[in-house]
Amino acid sequence: MTDNIRTALYESKYEAFVVNRATQPRDTICDVVGKHCESGDVIVKNSPLQQTKMGEIICVLGTGAYCNEMASNYNKQVRPGIVMVKDGKMRVIVRRESYGDLLARDIY
């Protein structure tokens, strides 16, 4: 919902994997969903993924050119950062939004 609405709006399809086990088989069919408990809060639907364990990070590849531009602060949620990975090296290209950023424009 806040991080990637494209699956709900366009039925966009994405590929996901558990980061520390990227080369292992993805043998569990599942949905990857967001934090809002709403029917449209789906990121990856009916797709293979490694069986996950608490604390592991899931990577969703190539979420689309407009994903970040359509992100919102629905329910006062901060927007995620964007990380680019090339040749095994990562670089943050958009930093994660902080709660300070989120509240900076509020007038009390």
C-alpha atoms as a PDB file:
ATOM      1  CA  MET A   1       0.000   0.000   0.000  1.00  0.00           C
ATOM      2  CA  THR A   2       2.548   2.617   1.031  1.00  0.00           C
ATOM      3  CA  ASP A   3       5.699   1.061  -0.421  1.00  0.00           C
ATOM      4  CA  ASN A   4       4.437  -0.424  -3.672  1.00  0.00           C
ATOM      5  CA  ILE A   5       0.872  -0.013  -4.890  1.00  0.00           C
ATOM      6  CA  ARG A   6       1.629  -1.306  -8.389  1.00  0.00           C
ATOM      7  CA  THR A   7       0.628  -4.912  -7.630  1.00  0.00           C
ATOM      8  CA  ALA A   8      -2.828  -3.756  -6.469  1.00  0.00           C
ATOM      9  CA  LEU A   9      -3.328  -1.248  -9.302  1.00  0.00           C
ATOM     10  CA  TYR A  10      -1.813  -3.048 -12.299  1.00  0.00           C
ATOM     11  CA  GLU A  11      -1.267  -6.635 -11.118  1.00  0.00           C
ATOM     12  CA  SER A  12       2.480  -6.039 -11.562  1.00  0.00           C
ATOM     13  CA  LYS A  13       4.558  -9.180 -11.119  1.00  0.00           C
ATOM     14  CA  TYR A  14       7.773  -9.243  -9.086  1.00  0.00           C
ATOM     15  CA  GLU A  15      10.431 -11.756  -8.173  1.00  0.00           C
ATOM     16  CA  ALA A  16      11.612 -12.116  -4.572  1.00  0.00           C
ATOM     17  CA  PHE A  17      14.213 -14.116  -2.659  1.00  0.00           C
ATOM     18  CA  VAL A  18      15.713 -14.396   0.815  1.00  0.00           C
ATOM     19  CA  VAL A  19      18.905 -12.305   0.643  1.00  0.00           C
ATOM     20  CA  ASN A  20      21.283 -14.555   2.604  1.00  0.00           C
ATOM     21  CA  ARG A  21      20.092 -17.614   0.664  1.00  0.00           C
ATOM     22  CA  ALA A  22      19.667 -16.143  -2.823  1.00  0.00           C
ATOM     23  CA  THR A  23      21.237 -19.106  -4.604  1.00  0.00           C
ATOM     24  CA  GLN A  24      19.174 -21.744  -2.799  1.00  0.00           C
ATOM     25  CA  PRO A  25      16.033 -23.179  -4.404  1.00  0.00           C
ATOM     26  CA  ARG A  26      12.797 -21.246  -3.965  1.00  0.00           C
ATOM     27  CA  ASP A  27      10.500 -24.127  -3.149  1.00  0.00           C
ATOM     28  CA  THR A  28       7.678 -22.498  -1.173  1.00  0.00           C
ATOM     29  CA  ILE A  29       4.812 -20.794  -3.017  1.00  0.00           C
ATOM     30  CA  CYS A  30       3.684 -17.737  -1.087  1.00  0.00           C
ATOM     31  CA  ASP A  31       2.556 -14.119  -1.072  1.00  0.00           C
ATOM     32  CA  VAL A  32       4.765 -11.306   0.219  1.00  0.00           C
ATOM     33  CA  VAL A  33       2.539  -8.700   1.810  1.00  0.00           C
ATOM     34  CA  GLY A  34       2.964  -5.335   3.489  1.00  0.00           C
ATOM     35  CA  LYS A  35       2.240  -4.073   6.944  1.00  0.00           C
ATOM     36  CA  HIS A  36      -1.286  -2.691   6.535  1.00  0.00           C
ATOM     37  CA  CYS A  37      -3.467  -5.832   6.649  1.00  0.00           C
ATOM     38  CA  GLU A  38      -5.538  -4.659   3.702  1.00  0.00           C
ATOM     39  CA  SER A  39      -6.555  -6.658   0.644  1.00  0.00           C
ATOM     40  CA  GLY A  40      -4.465  -4.493  -1.714  1.00  0.00           C
ATOM     41  CA  ASP A  41      -1.325  -4.666   0.431  1.00  0.00           C
ATOM     42  CA  VAL A  42       0.357  -7.377  -1.650  1.00  0.00           C
ATOM     43  CA  ILE A  43       3.860  -7.018  -3.098  1.00  0.00           C
ATOM     44  CA  VAL A  44       4.502 -10.468  -4.593  1.00  0.00           C
ATOM     45  CA  LYS A  45       1.609 -12.827  -5.233  1.00  0.00           C
ATOM     46  CA  ASN A  46       1.645 -16.630  -5.588  1.00  0.00           C
ATOM     47  CA  SER A  47       5.374 -16.829  -6.255  1.00  0.00           C
ATOM     48  CA  PRO A  48       8.213 -19.187  -5.269  1.00  0.00           C
ATOM     49  CA  LEU A  49      10.386 -18.152  -2.320  1.00  0.00           C
ATOM     50  CA  GLN A  50      12.756 -19.873   0.085  1.00  0.00           C
ATOM     51  CA  GLN A  51      11.175 -20.846   3.407  1.00  0.00           C
ATOM     52  CA  THR A  52      11.815 -17.760   5.546  1.00  0.00           C
ATOM     53  CA  LYS A  53      13.033 -17.481   9.126  1.00  0.00           C
ATOM     54  CA  MET A  54      12.484 -14.674  11.621  1.00  0.00           C
ATOM     55  CA  GLY A  55      14.837 -11.752  10.980  1.00  0.00           C
ATOM     56  CA  GLU A  56      15.739 -12.615   7.385  1.00  0.00           C
ATOM     57  CA  ILE A  57      15.570  -9.965   4.671  1.00  0.00           C
ATOM     58  CA  ILE A  58      13.542 -10.500   1.510  1.00  0.00           C
ATOM     59  CA  CYS A  59      14.681  -8.759  -1.664  1.00  0.00           C
ATOM     60  CA  VAL A  60      12.136  -7.775  -4.317  1.00  0.00           C
ATOM     61  CA  LEU A  61      13.792  -7.198  -7.680  1.00  0.00           C
ATOM     62  CA  GLY A  62      13.056  -4.336 -10.060  1.00  0.00           C
ATOM     63  CA  THR A  63       9.948  -2.831  -8.502  1.00  0.00           C
ATOM     64  CA  GLY A  64       9.348  -0.435 -11.384  1.00  0.00           C
ATOM     65  CA  ALA A  65      10.189   3.070 -12.469  1.00  0.00           C
ATOM     66  CA  TYR A  66       7.274   4.717 -10.689  1.00  0.00           C
ATOM     67  CA  CYS A  67       7.127   2.626  -7.522  1.00  0.00           C
ATOM     68  CA  ASN A  68       8.934   5.180  -5.345  1.00  0.00           C
ATOM     69  CA  GLU A  69       7.080   8.098  -6.917  1.00  0.00           C
ATOM     70  CA  MET A  70       3.730   6.526  -6.066  1.00  0.00           C
ATOM     71  CA  ALA A  71       4.751   5.648  -2.490  1.00  0.00           C
ATOM     72  CA  SER A  72       2.811   7.410   0.247  1.00  0.00           C
ATOM     73  CA  ASN A  73       2.716   8.048   3.967  1.00  0.00           C
ATOM     74  CA  TYR A  74      -0.640   6.296   4.379  1.00  0.00           C
ATOM     75  CA  ASN A  75      -1.234   5.574   8.097  1.00  0.00           C
ATOM     76  CA  LYS A  76       1.825   7.724   8.948  1.00  0.00           C
ATOM     77  CA  GLN A  77       4.257   5.142   7.589  1.00  0.00           C
ATOM     78  CA  VAL A  78       7.730   6.184   6.468  1.00  0.00           C
ATOM     79  CA  ARG A  79       8.835   5.365   2.930  1.00  0.00           C
ATOM     80  CA  PRO A  80      11.648   2.858   2.380  1.00  0.00           C
ATOM     81  CA  GLY A  81      15.031   3.600   0.902  1.00  0.00           C
ATOM     82  CA  ILE A  82      16.221   2.382  -2.481  1.00  0.00           C
ATOM     83  CA  VAL A  83      19.329   0.249  -2.888  1.00  0.00           C
ATOM     84  CA  MET A  84      21.023  -0.407  -6.216  1.00  0.00           C
ATOM     85  CA  VAL A  85      23.084  -3.585  -6.559  1.00  0.00           C
ATOM     86  CA  LYS A  86      25.611  -4.179  -9.318  1.00  0.00           C
ATOM     87  CA  ASP A  87      28.406  -6.756  -9.532  1.00  0.00           C
ATOM     88  CA  GLY A  88      27.811  -7.792  -5.916  1.00  0.00           C
ATOM     89  CA  LYS A  89      28.167  -4.258  -4.580  1.00  0.00           C
ATOM     90  CA  MET A  90      25.325  -2.225  -3.114  1.00  0.00           C
ATOM     91  CA  ARG A  91      24.760   1.499  -2.964  1.00  0.00           C
ATOM     92  CA  VAL A  92      21.937   3.413  -1.293  1.00  0.00           C
ATOM     93  CA  ILE A  93      20.538   5.794  -3.919  1.00  0.00           C
ATOM     94  CA  VAL A  94      17.543   7.079  -1.912  1.00  0.00           C
ATOM     95  CA  ARG A  95      17.818   7.059   1.873  1.00  0.00           C
ATOM     96  CA  ARG A  96      15.041   5.629   4.016  1.00  0.00           C
ATOM     97  CA  GLU A  97      12.620   8.267   5.259  1.00  0.00           C
ATOM     98  CA  SER A  98      12.842   8.913   9.004  1.00  0.00           C
ATOM     99  CA  TYR A  99      10.013   9.705  11.412  1.00  0.00           C
ATOM    100  CA  GLY A 100      11.595  13.161  11.679  1.00  0.00           C
ATOM    101  CA  ASP A 101      11.152  13.579   7.912  1.00  0.00           C
ATOM    102  CA  LEU A 102       7.561  12.394   8.207  1.00  0.00           C
ATOM    103  CA  LEU A 103       6.678  14.858  10.951  1.00  0.00           C
ATOM    104  CA  ALA A 104       8.780  17.819   9.757  1.00  0.00           C
ATOM    105  CA  ARG A 105       5.861  19.549   8.018  1.00  0.00           C
ATOM    106  CA  ASP A 106       3.298  19.001  10.768  1.00  0.00           C
ATOM    107  CA  ILE A 107       2.216  22.094  12.694  1.00  0.00           C
ATOM    108  CA  TYR A 108       1.484  21.621  16.385  1.00  0.00           C
END
